[in-house]
């Protein structure tokens, strides 16, 4: 059985292999494809709805425990294709 993680966008729990792991690198939110980048990670469904919800709720700052603004453009670009 795969581990279960919580999406920071919709707050629902899903298996780890369904979600994307994201990390903050130099105030930029990047996708951690292999789930090996150092630092505090967060999980999100690879959908535009969950991304928009996370932005609206300011979930990225809370997930990474930072008070400064984060650049979510790399994640948004990946979700848009």
C-alpha atoms as a PDB file:
ATOM      1  CA  UNK A   1       0.000   0.000   0.000  1.00  0.00           C
ATOM      2  CA  UNK A   2       1.299   3.455  -0.914  1.00  0.00           C
ATOM      3  CA  UNK A   3       1.730   6.162   1.714  1.00  0.00           C
ATOM      4  CA  UNK A   4      -1.019   8.771   1.965  1.00  0.00           C
ATOM      5  CA  UNK A   5      -0.385  12.533   1.764  1.00  0.00           C
ATOM      6  CA  UNK A   6      -2.636  15.614   1.962  1.00  0.00           C
ATOM      7  CA  UNK A   7      -3.002  17.992  -0.979  1.00  0.00           C
ATOM      8  CA  UNK A   8      -2.360  21.609   0.050  1.00  0.00           C
ATOM      9  CA  UNK A   9      -4.929  22.794  -2.492  1.00  0.00           C
ATOM     10  CA  UNK A  10      -8.079  20.799  -1.814  1.00  0.00           C
ATOM     11  CA  UNK A  11      -6.987  19.352   1.566  1.00  0.00           C
ATOM     12  CA  UNK A  12      -8.059  15.842   0.548  1.00  0.00           C
ATOM     13  CA  UNK A  13      -5.903  12.826   1.252  1.00  0.00           C
ATOM     14  CA  UNK A  14      -4.586  10.759  -1.635  1.00  0.00           C
ATOM     15  CA  UNK A  15      -1.944   8.179  -2.279  1.00  0.00           C
ATOM     16  CA  UNK A  16       1.545   9.576  -2.706  1.00  0.00           C
ATOM     17  CA  UNK A  17       1.855   8.366  -6.313  1.00  0.00           C
ATOM     18  CA  UNK A  18      -1.172  10.494  -7.361  1.00  0.00           C
ATOM     19  CA  UNK A  19       0.243  13.777  -6.000  1.00  0.00           C
ATOM     20  CA  UNK A  20       3.173  16.004  -7.020  1.00  0.00           C
ATOM     21  CA  UNK A  21       5.802  16.795  -4.412  1.00  0.00           C
ATOM     22  CA  UNK A  22       6.825  20.436  -4.451  1.00  0.00           C
ATOM     23  CA  UNK A  23       9.630  22.204  -2.609  1.00  0.00           C
ATOM     24  CA  UNK A  24      10.782  25.771  -2.199  1.00  0.00           C
ATOM     25  CA  UNK A  25      14.186  26.499  -3.747  1.00  0.00           C
ATOM     26  CA  UNK A  26      15.423  30.094  -3.559  1.00  0.00           C
ATOM     27  CA  UNK A  27      11.882  31.466  -3.037  1.00  0.00           C
ATOM     28  CA  UNK A  28      10.644  29.527  -6.048  1.00  0.00           C
ATOM     29  CA  UNK A  29       8.179  26.617  -5.922  1.00  0.00           C
ATOM     30  CA  UNK A  30       9.523  23.746  -8.021  1.00  0.00           C
ATOM     31  CA  UNK A  31       8.272  20.232  -8.699  1.00  0.00           C
ATOM     32  CA  UNK A  32      10.356  17.489  -7.114  1.00  0.00           C
ATOM     33  CA  UNK A  33       9.800  14.706  -9.654  1.00  0.00           C
ATOM     34  CA  UNK A  34      11.864  12.065  -7.844  1.00  0.00           C
ATOM     35  CA  UNK A  35      10.890  13.249  -4.328  1.00  0.00           C
ATOM     36  CA  UNK A  36      14.534  13.596  -3.305  1.00  0.00           C
ATOM     37  CA  UNK A  37      15.201  17.346  -3.152  1.00  0.00           C
ATOM     38  CA  UNK A  38      16.215  18.576   0.297  1.00  0.00           C
ATOM     39  CA  UNK A  39      14.025  20.781   2.396  1.00  0.00           C
ATOM     40  CA  UNK A  40      10.476  20.859   3.510  1.00  0.00           C
ATOM     41  CA  UNK A  41       8.158  19.451   0.876  1.00  0.00           C
ATOM     42  CA  UNK A  42       4.447  19.720   0.227  1.00  0.00           C
ATOM     43  CA  UNK A  43       2.055  17.735  -1.931  1.00  0.00           C
ATOM     44  CA  UNK A  44      -0.516  18.880  -4.468  1.00  0.00           C
ATOM     45  CA  UNK A  45      -2.773  17.233  -7.047  1.00  0.00           C
ATOM     46  CA  UNK A  46      -1.552  17.942 -10.601  1.00  0.00           C
ATOM     47  CA  UNK A  47      -4.694  19.930 -11.444  1.00  0.00           C
ATOM     48  CA  UNK A  48      -5.313  23.589 -12.089  1.00  0.00           C
ATOM     49  CA  UNK A  49      -8.189  23.603  -9.566  1.00  0.00           C
ATOM     50  CA  UNK A  50      -5.952  22.501  -6.689  1.00  0.00           C
ATOM     51  CA  UNK A  51      -3.252  24.990  -7.715  1.00  0.00           C
ATOM     52  CA  UNK A  52      -5.771  27.856  -7.820  1.00  0.00           C
ATOM     53  CA  UNK A  53      -7.188  26.823  -4.465  1.00  0.00           C
ATOM     54  CA  UNK A  54      -3.714  26.717  -2.899  1.00  0.00           C
ATOM     55  CA  UNK A  55      -2.896  30.195  -4.244  1.00  0.00           C
ATOM     56  CA  UNK A  56      -6.202  31.597  -3.024  1.00  0.00           C
ATOM     57  CA  UNK A  57      -5.723  30.125   0.454  1.00  0.00           C
ATOM     58  CA  UNK A  58      -2.022  31.141   0.572  1.00  0.00           C
ATOM     59  CA  UNK A  59      -1.185  27.520   1.297  1.00  0.00           C
ATOM     60  CA  UNK A  60       2.319  27.602  -0.201  1.00  0.00           C
ATOM     61  CA  UNK A  61       3.708  29.950   2.452  1.00  0.00           C
ATOM     62  CA  UNK A  62       2.176  27.930   5.265  1.00  0.00           C
ATOM     63  CA  UNK A  63       3.324  24.611   3.817  1.00  0.00           C
ATOM     64  CA  UNK A  64       6.928  25.780   3.522  1.00  0.00           C
ATOM     65  CA  UNK A  65       6.775  27.872   6.699  1.00  0.00           C
ATOM     66  CA  UNK A  66       7.968  31.071   5.048  1.00  0.00           C
ATOM     67  CA  UNK A  67       6.551  34.563   5.388  1.00  0.00           C
ATOM     68  CA  UNK A  68       8.031  35.967   2.178  1.00  0.00           C
ATOM     69  CA  UNK A  69       6.270  35.630  -1.149  1.00  0.00           C
ATOM     70  CA  UNK A  70       7.031  32.609  -3.297  1.00  0.00           C
ATOM     71  CA  UNK A  71       7.243  32.414  -7.077  1.00  0.00           C
ATOM     72  CA  UNK A  72       4.791  29.721  -8.190  1.00  0.00           C
ATOM     73  CA  UNK A  73       5.386  30.253 -11.924  1.00  0.00           C
ATOM     74  CA  UNK A  74       7.412  27.015 -12.499  1.00  0.00           C
ATOM     75  CA  UNK A  75       4.625  24.928 -10.979  1.00  0.00           C
ATOM     76  CA  UNK A  76       1.970  26.822 -12.922  1.00  0.00           C
ATOM     77  CA  UNK A  77       3.903  26.313 -16.153  1.00  0.00           C
ATOM     78  CA  UNK A  78       4.111  22.569 -15.527  1.00  0.00           C
ATOM     79  CA  UNK A  79       0.378  22.338 -14.861  1.00  0.00           C
ATOM     80  CA  UNK A  80      -0.436  24.299 -18.029  1.00  0.00           C
ATOM     81  CA  UNK A  81       1.690  21.969 -20.135  1.00  0.00           C
END
